[in-house]
PDB file of all heavy atoms in Angstrom:
ATOM      1  N   ASP A   1      94.699  95.359 137.461  1.00  0.00           N
ATOM      2  CA  ASP A   1      95.604  95.927 136.416  1.00  0.00           C
ATOM      3  C   ASP A   1      95.729  97.321 136.640  1.00  0.00           C
ATOM      4  O   ASP A   1      95.293  97.919 137.669  1.00  0.00           O
ATOM      5  CB  ASP A   1      95.148  95.471 135.056  1.00  0.00           C
ATOM      6  CG  ASP A   1      93.899  96.046 134.607  1.00  0.00           C
ATOM      7  OD1 ASP A   1      93.492  97.173 134.949  1.00  0.00           O
ATOM      8  OD2 ASP A   1      93.216  95.267 133.785  1.00  0.00           O
ATOM      9  N   GLN A   2      96.254  98.023 135.672  1.00  0.00           N
ATOM     10  CA  GLN A   2      96.636  99.352 135.794  1.00  0.00           C
ATOM     11  C   GLN A   2      95.271 100.357 135.969  1.00  0.00           C
ATOM     12  O   GLN A   2      95.348 101.382 136.550  1.00  0.00           O
ATOM     13  CB  GLN A   2      97.382 100.049 134.667  1.00  0.00           C
ATOM     14  CG  GLN A   2      98.189 101.255 135.049  1.00  0.00           C
ATOM     15  CD  GLN A   2      99.388 101.369 134.128  1.00  0.00           C
ATOM     16  OE1 GLN A   2      99.740 100.543 133.375  1.00  0.00           O
ATOM     17  NE2 GLN A   2     100.132 102.475 134.340  1.00  0.00           N
ATOM     18  N   ASN A   3      94.243  99.832 135.486  1.00  0.00           N
ATOM     19  CA  ASN A   3      92.927 100.577 135.329  1.00  0.00           C
ATOM     20  C   ASN A   3      91.793  99.967 136.147  1.00  0.00           C
ATOM     21  O   ASN A   3      90.688 100.527 136.137  1.00  0.00           O
ATOM     22  CB  ASN A   3      92.562 100.746 133.930  1.00  0.00           C
ATOM     23  CG  ASN A   3      93.519 101.362 133.109  1.00  0.00           C
ATOM     24  OD1 ASN A   3      94.059 102.395 133.402  1.00  0.00           O
ATOM     25  ND2 ASN A   3      93.861 100.785 131.921  1.00  0.00           N
ATOM     26  N   ARG A   4      92.056  98.848 136.780  1.00  0.00           N
ATOM     27  CA  ARG A   4      90.872  98.268 137.574  1.00  0.00           C
ATOM     28  C   ARG A   4      91.465  97.812 138.906  1.00  0.00           C
ATOM     29  O   ARG A   4      92.520  97.383 138.991  1.00  0.00           O
ATOM     30  CB  ARG A   4      90.311  97.001 136.884  1.00  0.00           C
ATOM     31  CG  ARG A   4      89.955  97.422 135.440  1.00  0.00           C
ATOM     32  CD  ARG A   4      88.429  97.260 134.946  1.00  0.00           C
ATOM     33  NE  ARG A   4      87.393  96.558 135.720  1.00  0.00           N
ATOM     34  CZ  ARG A   4      86.327  97.094 136.056  1.00  0.00           C
ATOM     35  NH1 ARG A   4      86.015  98.343 135.597  1.00  0.00           N
ATOM     36  NH2 ARG A   4      85.384  96.439 136.566  1.00  0.00           N
ATOM     37  N   ILE A   5      90.509  97.818 139.881  1.00  0.00           N
ATOM     38  CA  ILE A   5      90.655  97.283 141.147  1.00  0.00           C
ATOM     39  C   ILE A   5      89.487  96.427 141.584  1.00  0.00           C
ATOM     40  O   ILE A   5      88.361  96.508 140.972  1.00  0.00           O
ATOM     41  CB  ILE A   5      90.835  98.444 142.248  1.00  0.00           C
ATOM     42  CG1 ILE A   5      89.634  99.262 142.334  1.00  0.00           C
ATOM     43  CG2 ILE A   5      92.185  99.242 142.044  1.00  0.00           C
ATOM     44  CD1 ILE A   5      89.523 100.250 143.662  1.00  0.00           C
ATOM     45  N   ARG A   6      89.699  95.526 142.558  1.00  0.00           N
ATOM     46  CA  ARG A   6      88.697  94.703 143.126  1.00  0.00           C
ATOM     47  C   ARG A   6      88.611  95.202 144.638  1.00  0.00           C
ATOM     48  O   ARG A   6      89.550  95.259 145.359  1.00  0.00           O
ATOM     49  CB  ARG A   6      89.099  93.307 143.212  1.00  0.00           C
ATOM     50  CG  ARG A   6      87.963  92.339 143.786  1.00  0.00           C
ATOM     51  CD  ARG A   6      88.436  90.853 143.539  1.00  0.00           C
ATOM     52  NE  ARG A   6      88.385  90.501 142.110  1.00  0.00           N
ATOM     53  CZ  ARG A   6      89.472  90.175 141.510  1.00  0.00           C
ATOM     54  NH1 ARG A   6      90.584  90.247 142.092  1.00  0.00           N
ATOM     55  NH2 ARG A   6      89.263  89.811 140.364  1.00  0.00           N
ATOM     56  N   VAL A   7      87.338  95.586 144.983  1.00  0.00           N
ATOM     57  CA  VAL A   7      87.071  95.959 146.417  1.00  0.00           C
ATOM     58  C   VAL A   7      86.452  94.713 147.067  1.00  0.00           C
ATOM     59  O   VAL A   7      85.497  94.117 146.522  1.00  0.00           O
ATOM     60  CB  VAL A   7      86.120  97.225 146.510  1.00  0.00           C
ATOM     61  CG1 VAL A   7      85.848  97.519 147.910  1.00  0.00           C
ATOM     62  CG2 VAL A   7      86.791  98.301 145.763  1.00  0.00           C
ATOM     63  N   VAL A   8      87.076  94.205 148.228  1.00  0.00           N
ATOM     64  CA  VAL A   8      86.623  93.046 148.845  1.00  0.00           C
ATOM     65  C   VAL A   8      86.105  93.404 150.279  1.00  0.00           C
ATOM     66  O   VAL A   8      86.969  93.981 150.988  1.00  0.00           O
ATOM     67  CB  VAL A   8      87.750  91.960 148.834  1.00  0.00           C
ATOM     68  CG1 VAL A   8      87.277  90.709 149.562  1.00  0.00           C
ATOM     69  CG2 VAL A   8      88.275  91.624 147.442  1.00  0.00           C
ATOM     70  N   TYR A   9      84.917  92.865 150.665  1.00  0.00           N
ATOM     71  CA  TYR A   9      84.587  92.894 152.149  1.00  0.00           C
ATOM     72  C   TYR A   9      84.541  91.403 152.512  1.00  0.00           C
ATOM     73  O   TYR A   9      83.935  90.648 151.871  1.00  0.00           O
ATOM     74  CB  TYR A   9      83.101  93.545 152.234  1.00  0.00           C
ATOM     75  CG  TYR A   9      83.182  95.058 152.158  1.00  0.00           C
ATOM     76  CD1 TYR A   9      84.102  95.807 151.591  1.00  0.00           C
ATOM     77  CD2 TYR A   9      82.065  95.654 152.607  1.00  0.00           C
ATOM     78  CE1 TYR A   9      83.964  97.234 151.499  1.00  0.00           C
ATOM     79  CE2 TYR A   9      81.919  97.031 152.659  1.00  0.00           C
ATOM     80  CZ  TYR A   9      82.898  97.809 152.027  1.00  0.00           C
ATOM     81  OH  TYR A   9      82.826  99.240 151.957  1.00  0.00           O
ATOM     82  N   ARG A  10      85.110  91.105 153.683  1.00  0.00           N
ATOM     83  CA  ARG A  10      85.116  89.774 154.148  1.00  0.00           C
ATOM     84  C   ARG A  10      84.696  89.902 155.610  1.00  0.00           C
ATOM     85  O   ARG A  10      85.343  90.499 156.496  1.00  0.00           O
ATOM     86  CB  ARG A  10      86.384  89.143 153.978  1.00  0.00           C
ATOM     87  CG  ARG A  10      86.492  87.816 154.563  1.00  0.00           C
ATOM     88  CD  ARG A  10      87.827  87.139 154.352  1.00  0.00           C
ATOM     89  NE  ARG A  10      87.847  85.841 154.905  1.00  0.00           N
ATOM     90  CZ  ARG A  10      87.338  84.735 154.545  1.00  0.00           C
ATOM     91  NH1 ARG A  10      86.608  84.804 153.372  1.00  0.00           N
ATOM     92  NH2 ARG A  10      87.506  83.537 155.110  1.00  0.00           N
ATOM     93  N   MET A  11      83.681  89.033 156.106  1.00  0.00           N
ATOM     94  CA  MET A  11      83.297  89.002 157.389  1.00  0.00           C
ATOM     95  C   MET A  11      83.677  87.719 158.020  1.00  0.00           C
ATOM     96  O   MET A  11      83.345  86.594 157.438  1.00  0.00           O
ATOM     97  CB  MET A  11      81.790  89.406 157.651  1.00  0.00           C
ATOM     98  CG  MET A  11      81.383  89.101 159.290  1.00  0.00           C
ATOM     99  SD  MET A  11      79.831  89.687 159.549  1.00  0.00           S
ATOM    100  CE  MET A  11      80.230  91.340 159.873  1.00  0.00           C
ATOM    101  N   GLU A  12      84.241  87.517 159.144  1.00  0.00           N
ATOM    102  CA  GLU A  12      84.385  86.337 159.968  1.00  0.00           C
ATOM    103  C   GLU A  12      83.783  86.520 161.284  1.00  0.00           C
ATOM    104  O   GLU A  12      84.188  87.429 162.053  1.00  0.00           O
ATOM    105  CB  GLU A  12      85.958  85.939 159.996  1.00  0.00           C
ATOM    106  CG  GLU A  12      86.507  85.754 158.721  1.00  0.00           C
ATOM    107  CD  GLU A  12      88.127  85.574 158.816  1.00  0.00           C
ATOM    108  OE1 GLU A  12      88.669  85.725 159.992  1.00  0.00           O
ATOM    109  OE2 GLU A  12      88.595  85.284 157.735  1.00  0.00           O
ATOM    110  N   ILE A  13      83.023  85.591 161.677  1.00  0.00           N
ATOM    111  CA  ILE A  13      82.354  85.518 162.930  1.00  0.00           C
ATOM    112  C   ILE A  13      82.981  84.317 163.757  1.00  0.00           C
ATOM    113  O   ILE A  13      82.948  83.257 163.344  1.00  0.00           O
ATOM    114  CB  ILE A  13      80.809  85.439 162.954  1.00  0.00           C
ATOM    115  CG1 ILE A  13      80.332  86.670 162.134  1.00  0.00           C
ATOM    116  CG2 ILE A  13      80.243  85.402 164.446  1.00  0.00           C
ATOM    117  CD1 ILE A  13      78.781  86.611 161.985  1.00  0.00           C
ATOM    118  N   THR A  14      83.649  84.539 164.832  1.00  0.00           N
ATOM    119  CA  THR A  14      84.257  83.641 165.656  1.00  0.00           C
ATOM    120  C   THR A  14      83.938  83.709 167.146  1.00  0.00           C
ATOM    121  O   THR A  14      83.283  84.695 167.545  1.00  0.00           O
ATOM    122  CB  THR A  14      85.851  83.613 165.464  1.00  0.00           C
ATOM    123  OG1 THR A  14      86.370  84.840 165.978  1.00  0.00           O
ATOM    124  CG2 THR A  14      86.346  83.357 164.112  1.00  0.00           C
ATOM    125  N   GLY A  15      84.195  82.671 167.968  1.00  0.00           N
ATOM    126  CA  GLY A  15      83.838  82.844 169.277  1.00  0.00           C
ATOM    127  C   GLY A  15      83.023  81.837 169.732  1.00  0.00           C
ATOM    128  O   GLY A  15      82.567  80.833 168.928  1.00  0.00           O
ATOM    129  N   THR A  16      82.701  81.766 171.040  1.00  0.00           N
ATOM    130  CA  THR A  16      81.643  80.948 171.552  1.00  0.00           C
ATOM    131  C   THR A  16      80.227  80.892 170.843  1.00  0.00           C
ATOM    132  O   THR A  16      79.612  81.822 170.905  1.00  0.00           O
ATOM    133  CB  THR A  16      81.401  81.125 173.117  1.00  0.00           C
ATOM    134  OG1 THR A  16      82.764  81.246 173.698  1.00  0.00           O
ATOM    135  CG2 THR A  16      80.656  80.055 173.825  1.00  0.00           C
ATOM    136  N   GLY A  17      79.969  79.681 170.311  1.00  0.00           N
ATOM    137  CA  GLY A  17      78.745  79.682 169.647  1.00  0.00           C
ATOM    138  C   GLY A  17      78.606  80.228 168.320  1.00  0.00           C
ATOM    139  O   GLY A  17      77.452  80.380 167.576  1.00  0.00           O
ATOM    140  N   ALA A  18      79.764  80.584 167.592  1.00  0.00           N
ATOM    141  CA  ALA A  18      79.757  81.130 166.301  1.00  0.00           C
ATOM    142  C   ALA A  18      79.234  80.229 165.266  1.00  0.00           C
ATOM    143  O   ALA A  18      78.554  80.737 164.255  1.00  0.00           O
ATOM    144  CB  ALA A  18      81.333  81.579 165.906  1.00  0.00           C
ATOM    145  N   ASP A  19      79.543  78.961 165.365  1.00  0.00           N
ATOM    146  CA  ASP A  19      78.855  78.019 164.299  1.00  0.00           C
ATOM    147  C   ASP A  19      77.284  78.154 164.404  1.00  0.00           C
ATOM    148  O   ASP A  19      76.673  77.894 163.255  1.00  0.00           O
ATOM    149  CB  ASP A  19      79.351  76.559 164.684  1.00  0.00           C
ATOM    150  CG  ASP A  19      80.855  76.275 164.428  1.00  0.00           C
ATOM    151  OD1 ASP A  19      81.389  77.163 163.668  1.00  0.00           O
ATOM    152  OD2 ASP A  19      81.316  75.414 164.929  1.00  0.00           O
ATOM    153  N   GLU A  20      76.656  78.302 165.311  1.00  0.00           N
ATOM    154  CA  GLU A  20      75.152  78.477 165.551  1.00  0.00           C
ATOM    155  C   GLU A  20      74.885  79.906 165.273  1.00  0.00           C
ATOM    156  O   GLU A  20      73.922  80.153 164.377  1.00  0.00           O
ATOM    157  CB  GLU A  20      74.674  78.000 166.890  1.00  0.00           C
ATOM    158  CG  GLU A  20      74.953  76.645 167.208  1.00  0.00           C
ATOM    159  CD  GLU A  20      76.311  76.269 167.659  1.00  0.00           C
ATOM    160  OE1 GLU A  20      76.943  77.112 168.360  1.00  0.00           O
ATOM    161  OE2 GLU A  20      76.802  75.220 167.414  1.00  0.00           O
ATOM    162  N   ALA A  21      75.442  80.803 165.900  1.00  0.00           N
ATOM    163  CA  ALA A  21      75.000  82.238 165.745  1.00  0.00           C
ATOM    164  C   ALA A  21      75.420  82.807 164.444  1.00  0.00           C
ATOM    165  O   ALA A  21      74.664  83.767 163.898  1.00  0.00           O
ATOM    166  CB  ALA A  21      75.666  83.061 166.908  1.00  0.00           C
ATOM    167  N   GLY A  22      76.570  82.569 163.852  1.00  0.00           N
ATOM    168  CA  GLY A  22      76.961  83.120 162.623  1.00  0.00           C
ATOM    169  C   GLY A  22      75.879  82.998 161.552  1.00  0.00           C
ATOM    170  O   GLY A  22      75.651  84.041 160.917  1.00  0.00           O
ATOM    171  N   PRO A  23      75.380  81.789 161.204  1.00  0.00           N
ATOM    172  CA  PRO A  23      74.382  81.691 160.252  1.00  0.00           C
ATOM    173  C   PRO A  23      73.098  82.488 160.522  1.00  0.00           C
ATOM    174  O   PRO A  23      72.255  82.781 159.614  1.00  0.00           O
ATOM    175  CB  PRO A  23      74.171  80.203 160.124  1.00  0.00           C
ATOM    176  CG  PRO A  23      75.325  79.589 160.666  1.00  0.00           C
ATOM    177  CD  PRO A  23      75.890  80.477 161.691  1.00  0.00           C
ATOM    178  N   GLN A  24      72.861  82.642 161.775  1.00  0.00           N
ATOM    179  CA  GLN A  24      71.636  83.504 162.256  1.00  0.00           C
ATOM    180  C   GLN A  24      71.876  84.954 162.015  1.00  0.00           C
ATOM    181  O   GLN A  24      70.827  85.641 161.541  1.00  0.00           O
ATOM    182  CB  GLN A  24      71.314  83.153 163.617  1.00  0.00           C
ATOM    183  CG  GLN A  24      70.879  81.661 163.840  1.00  0.00           C
ATOM    184  CD  GLN A  24      70.615  81.385 165.288  1.00  0.00           C
ATOM    185  OE1 GLN A  24      70.853  82.191 166.191  1.00  0.00           O
ATOM    186  NE2 GLN A  24      70.301  80.128 165.581  1.00  0.00           N
ATOM    187  N   ILE A  25      72.994  85.523 162.356  1.00  0.00           N
ATOM    188  CA  ILE A  25      73.145  87.001 162.366  1.00  0.00           C
ATOM    189  C   ILE A  25      73.892  87.431 161.169  1.00  0.00           C
ATOM    190  O   ILE A  25      73.675  88.565 160.639  1.00  0.00           O
ATOM    191  CB  ILE A  25      73.787  87.497 163.663  1.00  0.00           C
ATOM    192  CG1 ILE A  25      75.118  86.860 163.834  1.00  0.00           C
ATOM    193  CG2 ILE A  25      72.881  87.152 164.886  1.00  0.00           C
ATOM    194  CD1 ILE A  25      75.913  87.513 164.987  1.00  0.00           C
ATOM    195  N   GLY A  26      74.998  86.626 160.726  1.00  0.00           N
ATOM    196  CA  GLY A  26      75.723  87.032 159.648  1.00  0.00           C
ATOM    197  C   GLY A  26      75.074  87.507 158.306  1.00  0.00           C
ATOM    198  O   GLY A  26      75.274  88.566 157.763  1.00  0.00           O
ATOM    199  N   PRO A  27      74.048  86.707 157.770  1.00  0.00           N
ATOM    200  CA  PRO A  27      73.522  87.058 156.486  1.00  0.00           C
ATOM    201  C   PRO A  27      72.731  88.447 156.602  1.00  0.00           C
ATOM    202  O   PRO A  27      72.650  89.102 155.678  1.00  0.00           O
ATOM    203  CB  PRO A  27      72.424  85.834 156.273  1.00  0.00           C
ATOM    204  CG  PRO A  27      73.127  84.680 156.846  1.00  0.00           C
ATOM    205  CD  PRO A  27      73.754  85.242 158.153  1.00  0.00           C
ATOM    206  N   GLY A  28      72.074  88.671 157.809  1.00  0.00           N
ATOM    207  CA  GLY A  28      71.502  89.889 157.943  1.00  0.00           C
ATOM    208  C   GLY A  28      72.416  91.073 158.050  1.00  0.00           C
ATOM    209  O   GLY A  28      72.113  92.250 157.522  1.00  0.00           O
ATOM    210  N   ILE A  29      73.655  90.939 158.519  1.00  0.00           N
ATOM    211  CA  ILE A  29      74.659  91.996 158.554  1.00  0.00           C
ATOM    212  C   ILE A  29      75.217  92.281 157.261  1.00  0.00           C
ATOM    213  O   ILE A  29      75.570  93.420 156.833  1.00  0.00           O
ATOM    214  CB  ILE A  29      75.816  91.726 159.587  1.00  0.00           C
ATOM    215  CG1 ILE A  29      75.234  91.487 161.055  1.00  0.00           C
ATOM    216  CG2 ILE A  29      76.825  92.637 159.477  1.00  0.00           C
ATOM    217  CD1 ILE A  29      76.129  90.947 162.021  1.00  0.00           C
ATOM    218  N   THR A  30      75.471  91.230 156.514  1.00  0.00           N
ATOM    219  CA  THR A  30      75.998  91.265 155.180  1.00  0.00           C
ATOM    220  C   THR A  30      75.101  91.489 154.029  1.00  0.00           C
ATOM    221  O   THR A  30      75.487  91.745 152.840  1.00  0.00           O
ATOM    222  CB  THR A  30      76.847  90.062 154.950  1.00  0.00           C
ATOM    223  OG1 THR A  30      76.083  88.938 154.879  1.00  0.00           O
ATOM    224  CG2 THR A  30      78.063  90.009 155.979  1.00  0.00           C
ATOM    225  N   ALA A  31      73.770  91.399 154.156  1.00  0.00           N
ATOM    226  CA  ALA A  31      72.778  91.430 153.149  1.00  0.00           C
ATOM    227  C   ALA A  31      72.920  92.712 152.184  1.00  0.00           C
ATOM    228  O   ALA A  31      72.575  92.593 151.013  1.00  0.00           O
ATOM    229  CB  ALA A  31      71.401  91.325 153.682  1.00  0.00           C
ATOM    230  N   ASP A  32      73.306  93.720 152.821  1.00  0.00           N
ATOM    231  CA  ASP A  32      73.285  95.100 151.979  1.00  0.00           C
ATOM    232  C   ASP A  32      74.553  95.317 151.362  1.00  0.00           C
ATOM    233  O   ASP A  32      74.887  96.184 150.677  1.00  0.00           O
ATOM    234  CB  ASP A  32      72.965  96.163 152.860  1.00  0.00           C
ATOM    235  CG  ASP A  32      74.109  96.535 153.892  1.00  0.00           C
ATOM    236  OD1 ASP A  32      74.665  95.512 154.429  1.00  0.00           O
ATOM    237  OD2 ASP A  32      74.423  97.705 154.120  1.00  0.00           O
ATOM    238  N   TRP A  33      75.648  94.395 151.549  1.00  0.00           N
ATOM    239  CA  TRP A  33      77.026  94.589 150.964  1.00  0.00           C
ATOM    240  C   TRP A  33      77.016  94.887 149.434  1.00  0.00           C
ATOM    241  O   TRP A  33      77.747  95.812 149.106  1.00  0.00           O
ATOM    242  CB  TRP A  33      77.978  93.480 151.360  1.00  0.00           C
ATOM    243  CG  TRP A  33      78.418  93.578 152.778  1.00  0.00           C
ATOM    244  CD1 TRP A  33      77.962  94.501 153.798  1.00  0.00           C
ATOM    245  CD2 TRP A  33      79.406  92.789 153.391  1.00  0.00           C
ATOM    246  NE1 TRP A  33      78.689  94.181 154.918  1.00  0.00           N
ATOM    247  CE2 TRP A  33      79.597  93.242 154.784  1.00  0.00           C
ATOM    248  CE3 TRP A  33      80.380  91.846 152.920  1.00  0.00           C
ATOM    249  CZ2 TRP A  33      80.415  92.693 155.670  1.00  0.00           C
ATOM    250  CZ3 TRP A  33      81.147  91.163 153.815  1.00  0.00           C
ATOM    251  CH2 TRP A  33      81.276  91.613 155.065  1.00  0.00           C
ATOM    252  N   PRO A  34      76.250  94.114 148.600  1.00  0.00           N
ATOM    253  CA  PRO A  34      76.375  94.380 147.166  1.00  0.00           C
ATOM    254  C   PRO A  34      75.897  95.806 146.882  1.00  0.00           C
ATOM    255  O   PRO A  34      76.624  96.511 146.091  1.00  0.00           O
ATOM    256  CB  PRO A  34      75.360  93.355 146.591  1.00  0.00           C
ATOM    257  CG  PRO A  34      75.406  92.216 147.571  1.00  0.00           C
ATOM    258  CD  PRO A  34      75.526  92.798 149.012  1.00  0.00           C
ATOM    259  N   GLU A  35      74.800  96.324 147.398  1.00  0.00           N
ATOM    260  CA  GLU A  35      74.181  97.638 147.168  1.00  0.00           C
ATOM    261  C   GLU A  35      75.317  98.632 147.697  1.00  0.00           C
ATOM    262  O   GLU A  35      75.643  99.667 147.189  1.00  0.00           O
ATOM    263  CB  GLU A  35      72.860  97.886 147.744  1.00  0.00           C
ATOM    264  CG  GLU A  35      71.828  96.977 147.040  1.00  0.00           C
ATOM    265  CD  GLU A  35      71.872  95.461 147.609  1.00  0.00           C
ATOM    266  OE1 GLU A  35      72.318  95.295 148.708  1.00  0.00           O
ATOM    267  OE2 GLU A  35      71.169  94.694 146.996  1.00  0.00           O
ATOM    268  N   THR A  36      75.669  98.411 149.025  1.00  0.00           N
ATOM    269  CA  THR A  36      76.528  99.464 149.592  1.00  0.00           C
ATOM    270  C   THR A  36      77.925  99.592 148.858  1.00  0.00           C
ATOM    271  O   THR A  36      78.429 100.647 148.623  1.00  0.00           O
ATOM    272  CB  THR A  36      76.986  98.851 151.039  1.00  0.00           C
ATOM    273  OG1 THR A  36      75.694  98.958 151.796  1.00  0.00           O
ATOM    274  CG2 THR A  36      77.959  99.770 151.714  1.00  0.00           C
ATOM    275  N   MET A  37      78.503  98.476 148.399  1.00  0.00           N
ATOM    276  CA  MET A  37      79.728  98.496 147.690  1.00  0.00           C
ATOM    277  C   MET A  37      79.660  99.169 146.306  1.00  0.00           C
ATOM    278  O   MET A  37      80.477  99.856 145.855  1.00  0.00           O
ATOM    279  CB  MET A  37      80.326  97.172 147.649  1.00  0.00           C
ATOM    280  CG  MET A  37      80.738  96.402 148.932  1.00  0.00           C
ATOM    281  SD  MET A  37      81.169  94.784 148.964  1.00  0.00           S
ATOM    282  CE  MET A  37      82.730  94.886 148.041  1.00  0.00           C
ATOM    283  N   ALA A  38      78.381  98.886 145.660  1.00  0.00           N
ATOM    284  CA  ALA A  38      78.145  99.477 144.298  1.00  0.00           C
ATOM    285  C   ALA A  38      78.078 100.944 144.600  1.00  0.00           C
ATOM    286  O   ALA A  38      78.524 101.820 143.758  1.00  0.00           O
ATOM    287  CB  ALA A  38      76.855  98.948 143.832  1.00  0.00           C
ATOM    288  N   SER A  39      77.494 101.524 145.657  1.00  0.00           N
ATOM    289  CA  SER A  39      77.265 102.827 145.904  1.00  0.00           C
ATOM    290  C   SER A  39      78.593 103.586 146.118  1.00  0.00           C
ATOM    291  O   SER A  39      78.984 104.566 145.725  1.00  0.00           O
ATOM    292  CB  SER A  39      76.345 103.249 147.135  1.00  0.00           C
ATOM    293  OG  SER A  39      75.094 102.780 146.778  1.00  0.00           O
ATOM    294  N   LEU A  40      79.479 102.820 146.922  1.00  0.00           N
ATOM    295  CA  LEU A  40      80.815 103.211 147.184  1.00  0.00           C
ATOM    296  C   LEU A  40      81.683 103.411 145.977  1.00  0.00           C
ATOM    297  O   LEU A  40      82.294 104.518 145.786  1.00  0.00           O
ATOM    298  CB  LEU A  40      81.494 102.210 148.134  1.00  0.00           C
ATOM    299  CG  LEU A  40      82.988 102.473 148.379  1.00  0.00           C
ATOM    300  CD1 LEU A  40      83.243 103.550 149.215  1.00  0.00           C
ATOM    301  CD2 LEU A  40      83.686 101.101 148.961  1.00  0.00           C
ATOM    302  N   ALA A  41      81.615 102.430 145.091  1.00  0.00           N
ATOM    303  CA  ALA A  41      82.320 102.517 143.856  1.00  0.00           C
ATOM    304  C   ALA A  41      81.868 103.583 142.996  1.00  0.00           C
ATOM    305  O   ALA A  41      82.582 104.362 142.318  1.00  0.00           O
ATOM    306  CB  ALA A  41      82.210 101.138 143.079  1.00  0.00           C
ATOM    307  N   GLU A  42      80.494 103.764 142.898  1.00  0.00           N
ATOM    308  CA  GLU A  42      79.971 104.798 142.080  1.00  0.00           C
ATOM    309  C   GLU A  42      80.318 106.204 142.392  1.00  0.00           C
ATOM    310  O   GLU A  42      80.769 107.157 141.663  1.00  0.00           O
ATOM    311  CB  GLU A  42      78.424 104.638 142.146  1.00  0.00           C
ATOM    312  CG  GLU A  42      77.781 105.734 141.154  1.00  0.00           C
ATOM    313  CD  GLU A  42      76.159 105.662 141.337  1.00  0.00           C
ATOM    314  OE1 GLU A  42      75.679 104.525 141.420  1.00  0.00           O
ATOM    315  OE2 GLU A  42      75.540 106.681 141.425  1.00  0.00           O
ATOM    316  N   LEU A  43      80.366 106.475 143.794  1.00  0.00           N
ATOM    317  CA  LEU A  43      80.808 107.722 144.422  1.00  0.00           C
ATOM    318  C   LEU A  43      82.240 108.005 144.179  1.00  0.00           C
ATOM    319  O   LEU A  43      82.740 109.001 143.912  1.00  0.00           O
ATOM    320  CB  LEU A  43      80.470 107.777 145.871  1.00  0.00           C
ATOM    321  CG  LEU A  43      80.633 109.101 146.541  1.00  0.00           C
ATOM    322  CD1 LEU A  43      79.838 110.217 145.849  1.00  0.00           C
ATOM    323  CD2 LEU A  43      80.220 108.931 148.031  1.00  0.00           C
ATOM    324  N   ALA A  44      82.976 106.886 144.322  1.00  0.00           N
ATOM    325  CA  ALA A  44      84.498 107.003 144.080  1.00  0.00           C
ATOM    326  C   ALA A  44      84.930 107.441 142.539  1.00  0.00           C
ATOM    327  O   ALA A  44      85.926 107.941 142.366  1.00  0.00           O
ATOM    328  CB  ALA A  44      85.210 105.756 144.477  1.00  0.00           C
ATOM    329  N   LEU A  45      83.987 107.124 141.749  1.00  0.00           N
ATOM    330  CA  LEU A  45      84.191 107.456 140.287  1.00  0.00           C
ATOM    331  C   LEU A  45      83.936 108.824 139.944  1.00  0.00           C
ATOM    332  O   LEU A  45      84.313 109.519 138.959  1.00  0.00           O
ATOM    333  CB  LEU A  45      83.403 106.487 139.442  1.00  0.00           C
ATOM    334  CG  LEU A  45      83.809 105.035 139.234  1.00  0.00           C
ATOM    335  CD1 LEU A  45      82.870 104.260 138.549  1.00  0.00           C
ATOM    336  CD2 LEU A  45      85.240 105.090 138.497  1.00  0.00           C
TER     337      LEU A  45
END
């Protein structure tokens, strides 16, 4: 709305072996997103 935004991060892993590799590497890459995005929003304020 006029006073609020949603910040969205979305990762997609595709390619050869993505169905196997994605669940192995993806969670490690994205694990810090909640803290990182909270820090981003705090600094932006």
